[in-house]
């Protein structure tokens, strides 16, 4: 069955919403780690600068001290002014990191684009500090290399998309390019070449985000559909329980006995049996087979069950032919518009007249096994239900004897569509051979037919399978004996 575009869009939208929700939670947690890491690195850099300046003043002339933003300044023991400026810039960077950490920790109402802007702001401010310090007269720093380090670190921590990874780089690179072309001390061709290569500092981080985002989405998609699969399986179990509650109980005593064996291709299917006592001594049995299988067919069966319940409640003594006409009208008006059709075999056993009245709408032939051992076939009397309107539909109901000791076997086409080891379908001829073989047995024919079919089948079932057996008990020779009829468990899915 082809899935509706609406269903696909709904599933994709639900997946995206779930992924965005997980991303938001992960972004907050990872941002705390990222800003906390920058705080630690900044504190370490400031401490190292002080230690290098006061403990090793001679060596400090040749050392580069790491500052809060990853910048480095040449320390001269006589250059207190440069040290003070460097400390101010380093403390500004540290304050920015601490403020971002505090804001992310306290402001739980920051979500979506607001929180993303906070991550951008931190990387942009850090980049401005590093690039700006690189062009100040107090010495050299990591400059654009520091921008690369901070950006790559952010991409390693934060669950950005590739587009989001590029966003904070744009203003930083614009400022760096402007300062580089105006204040750079190298030749113009060199500055131009460096300017062209500058954006490459963001490539590793963007590639990292691309790989991680793709992998994260793949895992989220797998987890989402696995959860949906488990939910559907659980719902199918409940649906099967309710669906099977619509089936009638078997009749094991009385002048007419009734049993069936149902094997759906999937959890639930489109084969169904409906039993209704029209009057004492008159038993109606309707066998249905909806096109397709699975949930769609089961939902259709549920609708037809409701229609059958209504019809038999309003007209308890309705004849099989009239019932088949009403089912055809219902299928033509409500199901055929969705390309759903069905076959049906409507039967009434009248123990007072020892006869069977039946009307078959495109259903496979049923078999009557006489008490004498002879086998008769009940062929279809009209079209598949839903194929034509009520005005063009004729039920073609027929009357046949059904005496004590006679047995009737009806089935759905899942039996004849059994695939054998030779790659051929069992077909009607194969089923006739099985019926000739099991007709002389005393046990339940439904079990025997299903067992013989399973013995010939190779692989899984190709369709839903339902086998029904009706028996006239020859110990009940009185036409006045009432028949016990099962109650219906009626809860629509």
Protein backbone atom coordinates (compact mmCIF):
# COMPACT_ATOMS: atom_id res chain seq x y z
CA UNK A 1 0.00 0.00 0.00
CA UNK A 2 1.35 3.38 -0.97
CA UNK A 3 1.70 5.83 1.88
CA UNK A 4 -0.20 9.08 1.64
CA UNK A 5 1.90 12.25 1.10
CA UNK A 6 0.08 13.74 4.09
CA UNK A 7 1.25 10.82 6.23
CA UNK A 8 4.84 11.22 5.01
CA UNK A 9 4.84 14.96 5.67
CA UNK A 10 3.35 14.44 9.14
CA UNK A 11 5.99 11.82 10.01
CA UNK A 12 8.81 14.03 8.69
CA UNK A 13 7.49 17.05 10.59
CA UNK A 14 7.21 15.03 13.80
CA UNK A 15 10.75 13.72 13.33
CA UNK A 16 12.07 17.25 12.75
CA UNK A 17 10.30 18.56 15.84
CA UNK A 18 11.73 15.74 17.95
CA UNK A 19 15.20 16.33 16.51
CA UNK A 20 15.00 20.09 17.15
CA UNK A 21 13.90 19.46 20.73
CA UNK A 22 16.83 17.12 21.37
CA UNK A 23 19.19 19.58 19.65
CA UNK A 24 18.01 22.41 21.91
CA UNK A 25 18.68 20.36 25.03
CA UNK A 26 22.07 19.25 23.70
CA UNK A 27 22.97 22.81 22.65
CA UNK A 28 22.42 24.18 26.15
CA UNK A 29 24.45 21.39 27.76
CA UNK A 30 27.29 21.59 25.24
CA UNK A 31 27.42 25.39 25.42
CA UNK A 32 27.96 25.21 29.17
CA UNK A 33 30.88 22.88 28.55
CA UNK A 34 32.25 25.12 25.79
CA UNK A 35 32.06 28.36 27.75
CA UNK A 36 33.38 26.60 30.86
CA UNK A 37 36.36 25.33 28.87
CA UNK A 38 37.09 28.84 27.61
CA UNK A 39 36.93 30.15 31.20
CA UNK A 40 39.45 27.55 32.35
CA UNK A 41 41.80 28.24 29.43
CA UNK A 42 41.58 31.99 30.04
CA UNK A 43 42.36 31.64 33.75
CA UNK A 44 45.30 29.37 32.95
CA UNK A 45 46.58 31.84 30.34
CA UNK A 46 46.37 34.80 32.76
CA UNK A 47 48.14 32.85 35.50
CA UNK A 48 50.85 31.73 33.11
CA UNK A 49 51.38 35.34 32.00
CA UNK A 50 51.81 36.54 35.59
CA UNK A 51 54.15 33.69 36.45
CA UNK A 52 56.23 34.30 33.34
CA UNK A 53 56.38 38.05 33.99
CA UNK A 54 57.27 38.01 37.71
CA UNK A 55 59.10 34.71 38.13
CA UNK A 56 61.13 34.75 34.91
CA UNK A 57 61.54 38.39 33.88
CA UNK A 58 64.62 37.67 31.76
CA UNK A 59 63.04 34.83 29.89
CA UNK A 60 59.76 36.70 29.53
CA UNK A 61 61.35 38.85 26.82
CA UNK A 62 61.43 35.84 24.53
CA UNK A 63 58.14 34.27 25.62
CA UNK A 64 54.65 34.84 24.35
CA UNK A 65 52.01 34.89 27.07
CA UNK A 66 48.60 33.38 26.25
CA UNK A 67 45.76 35.71 27.12
CA UNK A 68 42.07 35.14 27.66
CA UNK A 69 41.17 34.99 24.00
CA UNK A 70 44.08 32.85 22.91
CA UNK A 71 46.17 36.02 22.13
CA UNK A 72 49.85 36.36 22.92
CA UNK A 73 51.79 39.44 23.81
CA UNK A 74 55.56 39.82 24.05
CA UNK A 75 56.31 40.53 27.69
CA UNK A 76 59.00 43.05 28.51
CA UNK A 77 59.71 43.54 32.20
CA UNK A 78 59.75 47.26 31.64
CA UNK A 79 56.60 47.47 29.54
CA UNK A 80 53.97 47.79 32.33
CA UNK A 81 51.67 49.74 30.07
CA UNK A 82 51.46 46.92 27.52
CA UNK A 83 50.94 44.43 30.31
CA UNK A 84 48.10 46.50 31.75
CA UNK A 85 46.38 46.76 28.36
CA UNK A 86 46.79 43.03 27.81
CA UNK A 87 45.33 42.29 31.24
CA UNK A 88 42.34 44.53 30.57
CA UNK A 89 41.64 42.78 27.25
CA UNK A 90 42.14 39.35 28.85
CA UNK A 91 39.79 40.20 31.69
CA UNK A 92 37.20 41.47 29.22
CA UNK A 93 37.36 38.13 27.42
CA UNK A 94 37.13 36.23 30.70
CA UNK A 95 34.15 38.34 31.77
CA UNK A 96 32.48 37.59 28.43
CA UNK A 97 32.95 33.83 28.96
CA UNK A 98 31.69 33.96 32.55
CA UNK A 99 28.70 36.09 31.57
CA UNK A 100 27.77 33.68 28.77
CA UNK A 101 28.09 30.70 31.12
CA UNK A 102 25.94 32.39 33.76
CA UNK A 103 23.31 33.43 31.22
CA UNK A 104 23.05 29.90 29.79
CA UNK A 105 22.86 28.43 33.29
CA UNK A 106 20.21 30.76 34.69
CA UNK A 107 18.07 31.71 31.70
CA UNK A 108 16.10 28.56 30.97
CA UNK A 109 13.70 30.61 28.88
CA UNK A 110 16.35 31.13 26.19
CA UNK A 111 15.37 28.68 23.44
CA UNK A 112 15.68 28.31 19.71
CA UNK A 113 17.11 31.28 17.86
CA UNK A 114 17.71 33.21 21.08
CA UNK A 115 20.10 30.59 22.39
CA UNK A 116 21.76 30.22 19.00
CA UNK A 117 22.44 33.97 18.96
CA UNK A 118 24.13 33.61 22.35
CA UNK A 119 26.50 30.98 20.94
CA UNK A 120 27.20 33.21 17.93
CA UNK A 121 27.81 36.21 20.18
CA UNK A 122 30.41 34.41 22.26
CA UNK A 123 32.41 33.27 19.24
CA UNK A 124 32.09 36.68 17.54
CA UNK A 125 33.22 38.64 20.62
CA UNK A 126 36.15 36.29 21.14
CA UNK A 127 37.12 36.68 17.47
CA UNK A 128 36.92 40.49 17.67
CA UNK A 129 39.21 40.48 20.74
CA UNK A 130 41.78 38.26 19.08
CA UNK A 131 41.76 40.07 15.75
CA UNK A 132 41.72 43.52 17.38
CA UNK A 133 44.59 42.71 19.75
CA UNK A 134 46.65 41.41 16.84
CA UNK A 135 46.63 44.88 15.26
CA UNK A 136 47.25 46.85 18.48
CA UNK A 137 50.77 48.33 19.03
CA UNK A 138 51.30 46.31 22.24
CA UNK A 139 52.69 43.26 20.46
CA UNK A 140 51.72 40.13 18.55
CA UNK A 141 48.91 37.64 19.25
CA UNK A 142 47.52 34.52 17.59
CA UNK A 143 45.16 36.70 15.52
CA UNK A 144 43.38 34.77 12.76
CA UNK A 145 44.93 31.54 14.05
CA UNK A 146 43.22 32.20 17.39
CA UNK A 147 39.93 32.66 15.53
CA UNK A 148 40.46 29.26 13.92
CA UNK A 149 41.16 27.60 17.29
CA UNK A 150 38.12 29.08 19.02
CA UNK A 151 35.82 28.37 16.06
CA UNK A 152 37.02 24.78 15.70
CA UNK A 153 36.63 24.26 19.44
CA UNK A 154 33.07 25.62 19.23
CA UNK A 155 32.27 23.27 16.34
CA UNK A 156 33.58 20.32 18.34
CA UNK A 157 31.37 21.19 21.30
CA UNK A 158 28.19 22.71 19.86
CA UNK A 159 25.61 20.79 17.76
CA UNK A 160 25.62 23.33 14.95
CA UNK A 161 24.55 22.71 11.38
CA UNK A 162 27.09 23.68 8.68
CA UNK A 163 25.13 26.88 8.03
CA UNK A 164 25.07 27.74 11.72
CA UNK A 165 28.84 27.09 11.93
CA UNK A 166 29.47 29.71 9.23
CA UNK A 167 27.29 32.41 10.77
CA UNK A 168 29.69 33.71 13.53
CA UNK A 169 32.65 33.60 11.14
CA UNK A 170 31.19 36.13 8.71
CA UNK A 171 31.44 39.30 10.90
CA UNK A 172 34.82 38.21 12.34
CA UNK A 173 36.30 37.66 8.89
CA UNK A 174 34.89 40.97 7.65
CA UNK A 175 36.57 42.86 10.52
CA UNK A 176 39.79 40.89 10.11
CA UNK A 177 39.86 41.49 6.33
CA UNK A 178 39.31 45.22 6.79
CA UNK A 179 42.04 45.56 9.43
CA UNK A 180 44.35 43.32 7.47
CA UNK A 181 44.10 45.36 4.28
CA UNK A 182 44.35 48.72 6.10
CA UNK A 183 46.83 48.03 8.92
CA UNK A 184 48.74 45.05 7.57
CA UNK A 185 52.50 45.61 7.26
CA UNK A 186 53.10 43.15 4.41
CA UNK A 187 53.05 43.90 0.70
CA UNK A 188 49.69 44.38 -1.00
CA UNK A 189 49.90 41.16 -3.08
CA UNK A 190 50.73 39.19 0.07
CA UNK A 191 47.89 40.81 1.98
CA UNK A 192 45.50 40.11 -0.88
CA UNK A 193 46.59 36.47 -1.06
CA UNK A 194 46.23 36.11 2.72
CA UNK A 195 42.79 37.73 2.56
CA UNK A 196 41.67 35.16 -0.03
CA UNK A 197 42.92 32.29 2.12
CA UNK A 198 41.46 33.73 5.34
CA UNK A 199 38.01 32.09 5.07
CA UNK A 200 39.69 28.68 5.01
CA UNK A 201 40.07 28.94 8.79
CA UNK A 202 36.40 27.97 9.07
CA UNK A 203 36.54 24.95 6.74
CA UNK A 204 37.63 22.35 9.34
CA UNK A 205 34.93 23.45 11.77
CA UNK A 206 32.23 23.50 9.09
CA UNK A 207 33.22 20.03 7.91
CA UNK A 208 33.17 18.81 11.49
CA UNK A 209 29.63 20.17 11.95
CA UNK A 210 28.53 18.67 8.65
CA UNK A 211 29.68 15.18 9.63
CA UNK A 212 28.39 15.36 13.19
CA UNK A 213 25.04 16.85 12.20
CA UNK A 214 24.50 14.22 9.51
CA UNK A 215 25.40 11.43 11.90
CA UNK A 216 23.25 12.85 14.67
CA UNK A 217 20.24 13.21 12.37
CA UNK A 218 20.70 9.67 11.10
CA UNK A 219 20.77 8.30 14.66
CA UNK A 220 17.78 10.43 15.65
CA UNK A 221 15.85 9.25 12.58
CA UNK A 222 16.66 5.63 13.37
CA UNK A 223 15.62 6.02 17.02
CA UNK A 224 12.45 7.89 16.02
CA UNK A 225 11.25 5.27 13.55
CA UNK A 226 12.22 2.43 15.86
CA UNK A 227 10.08 4.02 18.56
CA UNK A 228 7.26 4.50 16.08
CA UNK A 229 7.64 0.88 15.00
CA UNK A 230 7.32 -0.31 18.61
CA UNK A 231 4.27 1.92 19.09
CA UNK A 232 2.67 0.58 15.93
CA UNK A 233 3.39 -3.01 16.96
CA UNK A 234 1.81 -2.40 20.34
CA UNK A 235 -1.20 -0.73 18.70
CA UNK A 236 -1.50 -3.63 16.25
CA UNK A 237 -1.62 -6.10 19.13
CA UNK A 238 -4.47 -4.11 20.68
CA UNK A 239 -6.15 -3.72 17.29
CA UNK A 240 -5.94 -7.46 16.66
CA UNK A 241 -7.49 -8.19 20.04
CA UNK A 242 -10.41 -5.87 19.29
CA UNK A 243 -10.66 -7.01 15.66
CA UNK A 244 -10.83 -10.69 16.59
CA UNK A 245 -13.49 -9.88 19.17
CA UNK A 246 -15.76 -9.12 16.20
CA UNK A 247 -15.53 -12.74 15.06
CA UNK A 248 -18.33 -15.04 16.27
CA UNK A 249 -17.85 -17.90 18.68
CA UNK A 250 -17.91 -21.37 17.23
CA UNK A 251 -21.06 -23.50 17.56
CA UNK A 252 -20.14 -26.97 18.81
CA UNK A 253 -23.62 -28.25 19.68
CA UNK A 254 -27.03 -28.28 18.03
CA UNK A 255 -28.40 -29.29 14.63
CA UNK A 256 -26.02 -26.93 12.80
CA UNK A 257 -22.46 -26.68 14.02
CA UNK A 258 -20.03 -24.04 12.92
CA UNK A 259 -16.22 -23.71 13.15
CA UNK A 260 -13.51 -21.75 11.35
CA UNK A 261 -9.75 -21.27 11.17
CA UNK A 262 -8.37 -17.79 10.52
CA UNK A 263 -4.73 -17.04 9.64
CA UNK A 264 -4.12 -13.37 8.70
CA UNK A 265 -1.09 -12.61 6.58
CA UNK A 266 -0.14 -9.84 9.01
CA UNK A 267 -1.34 -8.97 12.50
CA UNK A 268 -4.83 -8.21 11.22
CA UNK A 269 -6.44 -8.76 7.85
CA UNK A 270 -9.45 -8.40 5.57
CA UNK A 271 -11.18 -11.80 5.89
CA UNK A 272 -14.23 -12.01 8.10
CA UNK A 273 -17.13 -14.28 9.09
CA UNK A 274 -20.46 -12.99 10.37
CA UNK A 275 -23.11 -15.22 11.94
CA UNK A 276 -26.71 -14.22 12.67
CA UNK A 277 -29.76 -16.23 13.73
CA UNK A 278 -32.57 -15.03 11.49
CA UNK A 279 -35.18 -17.13 13.31
CA UNK A 280 -35.27 -20.42 15.22
CA UNK A 281 -33.92 -23.03 12.83
CA UNK A 282 -32.58 -20.40 10.38
CA UNK A 283 -28.91 -19.50 10.58
CA UNK A 284 -27.32 -16.81 8.41
CA UNK A 285 -23.58 -17.02 7.72
CA UNK A 286 -21.75 -14.35 5.71
CA UNK A 287 -18.15 -14.89 4.59
CA UNK A 288 -16.26 -11.76 3.42
CA UNK A 289 -12.93 -11.11 1.76
CA UNK A 290 -11.85 -7.47 1.32
CA UNK A 291 -9.24 -6.64 -1.32
CA UNK A 292 -5.76 -6.22 0.14
CA UNK A 293 -4.64 -7.11 3.61
CA UNK A 294 -3.29 -5.53 6.76
CA UNK A 295 -4.61 -2.44 8.53
CA UNK A 296 -6.53 -1.00 5.55
CA UNK A 297 -8.42 -4.24 4.97
CA UNK A 298 -9.12 -4.65 8.71
CA UNK A 299 -10.53 -1.12 8.95
CA UNK A 300 -12.77 -1.90 5.97
CA UNK A 301 -13.95 -5.10 7.67
CA UNK A 302 -14.77 -3.03 10.73
CA UNK A 303 -17.00 -0.75 8.66
CA UNK A 304 -18.72 -3.68 6.97
CA UNK A 305 -19.29 -5.36 10.34
CA UNK A 306 -21.13 -2.24 11.48
CA UNK A 307 -23.25 -2.26 8.32
CA UNK A 308 -24.08 -5.96 8.72
CA UNK A 309 -25.01 -5.43 12.35
CA UNK A 310 -27.35 -2.60 11.37
CA UNK A 311 -28.97 -4.52 8.51
CA UNK A 312 -29.57 -7.72 10.50
CA UNK A 313 -30.91 -5.72 13.44
CA UNK A 314 -33.40 -3.84 11.26
CA UNK A 315 -34.32 -6.84 9.09
CA UNK A 316 -33.66 -10.06 11.06
CA UNK A 317 -35.29 -12.27 8.42
CA UNK A 318 -33.50 -10.75 5.41
CA UNK A 319 -32.72 -13.26 2.66
CA UNK A 320 -29.13 -13.91 1.47
CA UNK A 321 -29.78 -12.41 -1.97
CA UNK A 322 -31.24 -9.20 -0.52
CA UNK A 323 -28.37 -8.94 1.94
CA UNK A 324 -25.84 -9.34 -0.87
CA UNK A 325 -27.56 -6.52 -2.81
CA UNK A 326 -27.38 -4.20 0.19
CA UNK A 327 -23.72 -5.03 0.71
CA UNK A 328 -23.01 -4.31 -2.95
CA UNK A 329 -24.76 -0.93 -2.71
CA UNK A 330 -22.78 -0.07 0.43
CA UNK A 331 -19.48 -1.13 -1.18
CA UNK A 332 -20.25 0.76 -4.40
CA UNK A 333 -21.14 4.00 -2.62
CA UNK A 334 -18.51 4.03 0.14
CA UNK A 335 -15.61 1.71 -0.74
CA UNK A 336 -15.27 1.63 -4.51
CA UNK A 337 -14.35 5.33 -4.53
CA UNK A 338 -11.17 4.25 -2.69
CA UNK A 339 -10.59 1.29 -5.07
CA UNK A 340 -11.64 -1.15 -2.36
CA UNK A 341 -13.86 -4.08 -3.32
CA UNK A 342 -14.88 -7.32 -1.67
CA UNK A 343 -16.22 -10.77 -2.33
CA UNK A 344 -18.97 -12.20 -0.15
CA UNK A 345 -20.76 -15.49 0.31
CA UNK A 346 -24.13 -15.06 2.03
CA UNK A 347 -25.76 -18.29 3.21
CA UNK A 348 -28.82 -19.30 5.17
CA UNK A 349 -29.30 -22.80 6.53
CA UNK A 350 -32.96 -23.63 7.10
CA UNK A 351 -33.25 -26.78 9.19
CA UNK A 352 -37.04 -26.82 8.78
CA UNK A 353 -36.74 -27.22 4.99
CA UNK A 354 -33.35 -29.00 5.00
CA UNK A 355 -32.05 -26.51 2.47
CA UNK A 356 -29.29 -23.96 1.96
CA UNK A 357 -29.97 -20.63 0.30
CA UNK A 358 -26.88 -18.82 -0.88
CA UNK A 359 -25.76 -15.86 -2.99
CA UNK A 360 -22.10 -15.42 -3.86
CA UNK A 361 -20.62 -12.14 -5.08
CA UNK A 362 -17.37 -13.12 -6.82
CA UNK A 363 -16.40 -15.49 -3.99
CA UNK A 364 -14.44 -18.71 -4.64
CA UNK A 365 -16.61 -21.85 -4.94
CA UNK A 366 -17.68 -23.49 -1.70
CA UNK A 367 -17.86 -27.26 -1.32
CA UNK A 368 -20.69 -29.35 0.09
CA UNK A 369 -19.59 -32.80 1.23
CA UNK A 370 -22.70 -34.97 1.33
CA UNK A 371 -23.28 -37.62 3.94
CA UNK A 372 -22.93 -40.09 1.06
CA UNK A 373 -19.40 -38.84 0.30
CA UNK A 374 -20.32 -36.92 -2.86
CA UNK A 375 -18.89 -33.40 -3.31
CA UNK A 376 -20.80 -30.50 -4.85
CA UNK A 377 -19.55 -27.01 -5.62
CA UNK A 378 -21.39 -23.75 -5.01
CA UNK A 379 -20.17 -21.35 -7.68
CA UNK A 380 -20.36 -17.57 -7.63
CA UNK A 381 -23.78 -16.20 -8.58
CA UNK A 382 -22.87 -12.57 -9.36
CA UNK A 383 -20.10 -9.95 -9.57
CA UNK A 384 -17.55 -8.77 -7.04
CA UNK A 385 -19.24 -6.35 -4.66
CA UNK A 386 -18.77 -2.67 -5.39
CA UNK A 387 -17.96 -3.12 -9.07
CA UNK A 388 -21.37 -1.99 -10.31
CA UNK A 389 -24.28 0.04 -9.00
CA UNK A 390 -27.35 -1.45 -7.39
CA UNK A 391 -29.48 -1.05 -10.55
CA UNK A 392 -27.14 -3.32 -12.53
CA UNK A 393 -26.64 -5.86 -9.78
CA UNK A 394 -28.52 -9.16 -9.60
CA UNK A 395 -27.88 -11.49 -6.69
CA UNK A 396 -28.66 -14.78 -8.48
CA UNK A 397 -29.52 -16.51 -5.18
CA UNK A 398 -29.80 -20.31 -5.40
CA UNK A 399 -31.35 -23.07 -3.28
CA UNK A 400 -29.64 -26.41 -2.65
CA UNK A 401 -30.46 -29.27 -0.25
CA UNK A 402 -28.51 -29.36 3.02
CA UNK A 403 -29.41 -32.51 4.92
CA UNK A 404 -28.35 -33.96 8.26
CA UNK A 405 -24.84 -35.33 7.92
CA UNK A 406 -23.90 -32.87 5.16
CA UNK A 407 -20.90 -30.60 5.61
CA UNK A 408 -20.04 -27.35 3.87
CA UNK A 409 -16.53 -25.89 3.47
CA UNK A 410 -16.13 -22.24 2.43
CA UNK A 411 -12.88 -20.29 2.28
CA UNK A 412 -11.16 -17.15 1.04
CA UNK A 413 -8.72 -16.99 -1.84
CA UNK A 414 -5.71 -17.18 0.50
CA UNK A 415 -6.17 -20.97 0.19
CA UNK A 416 -6.08 -21.16 -3.62
CA UNK A 417 -3.22 -18.63 -3.80
CA UNK A 418 -0.91 -20.90 -1.80
CA UNK A 419 2.47 -21.10 -3.55
CA UNK A 420 3.96 -24.59 -3.84
CA UNK A 421 7.61 -25.68 -4.12
CA UNK A 422 7.28 -25.78 -7.92
CA UNK A 423 6.41 -22.08 -7.97
CA UNK A 424 2.78 -22.71 -8.99
CA UNK A 425 -0.34 -21.63 -7.18
CA UNK A 426 -2.49 -24.32 -5.60
CA UNK A 427 -5.51 -23.06 -7.53
CA UNK A 428 -9.01 -24.49 -7.61
CA UNK A 429 -7.88 -27.82 -9.06
CA UNK A 430 -5.39 -28.32 -6.24
CA UNK A 431 -8.07 -27.52 -3.68
CA UNK A 432 -10.46 -29.98 -5.33
CA UNK A 433 -7.84 -32.69 -4.94
CA UNK A 434 -7.46 -31.80 -1.26
CA UNK A 435 -11.24 -31.89 -0.77
CA UNK A 436 -11.45 -35.35 -2.37
CA UNK A 437 -8.74 -36.51 0.00
CA UNK A 438 -10.24 -35.09 3.21
CA UNK A 439 -13.92 -35.69 2.41
CA UNK A 440 -13.85 -39.19 3.89
CA UNK A 441 -12.30 -38.08 7.16
CA UNK A 442 -14.34 -37.84 10.33
CA UNK A 443 -12.47 -34.92 11.90
CA UNK A 444 -13.08 -31.20 11.30
CA UNK A 445 -12.70 -30.42 7.62
CA UNK A 446 -11.49 -26.86 8.24
CA UNK A 447 -8.47 -28.15 10.15
CA UNK A 448 -7.79 -30.81 7.52
CA UNK A 449 -7.98 -28.37 4.59
CA UNK A 450 -5.72 -25.85 6.31
CA UNK A 451 -3.19 -28.52 7.31
CA UNK A 452 -3.09 -29.94 3.76
CA UNK A 453 -2.64 -26.47 2.32
CA UNK A 454 0.17 -25.64 4.75
CA UNK A 455 1.91 -28.89 3.80
CA UNK A 456 2.06 -27.75 0.17
CA UNK A 457 2.98 -24.13 0.87
CA UNK A 458 6.54 -22.83 0.58
CA UNK A 459 7.41 -19.61 2.40
CA UNK A 460 5.09 -17.18 4.15
CA UNK A 461 1.41 -16.74 3.37
CA UNK A 462 0.68 -14.56 0.35
CA UNK A 463 -2.75 -13.48 1.61
CA UNK A 464 -5.15 -13.74 4.55
CA UNK A 465 -6.64 -17.21 4.93
CA UNK A 466 -10.04 -18.13 6.36
CA UNK A 467 -11.61 -21.59 6.23
CA UNK A 468 -15.19 -22.12 7.46
CA UNK A 469 -17.01 -25.38 8.09
CA UNK A 470 -20.77 -25.80 8.59
CA UNK A 471 -22.12 -29.22 9.66
CA UNK A 472 -25.63 -30.64 9.89
CA UNK A 473 -25.58 -33.02 12.84
CA UNK A 474 -27.49 -36.17 11.89
CA UNK A 475 -28.33 -36.85 15.54
CA UNK A 476 -30.71 -33.86 15.43
CA UNK A 477 -33.44 -35.09 13.15
CA UNK A 478 -36.20 -32.89 14.57
CA UNK A 479 -36.81 -29.68 12.64
CA UNK A 480 -38.07 -28.04 15.82
CA UNK A 481 -34.70 -28.14 17.61
CA UNK A 482 -33.39 -24.57 18.15
CA UNK A 483 -29.80 -23.70 17.33
CA UNK A 484 -27.44 -22.00 19.78
CA UNK A 485 -25.94 -18.95 18.15
CA UNK A 486 -22.89 -17.07 19.48
CA UNK A 487 -23.15 -13.49 20.65
CA UNK A 488 -21.08 -10.87 18.87
CA UNK A 489 -18.42 -8.94 20.73
CA UNK A 490 -18.94 -5.53 19.22
CA UNK A 491 -16.26 -2.92 19.77
CA UNK A 492 -15.14 -1.05 16.62
CA UNK A 493 -11.43 -0.40 16.18
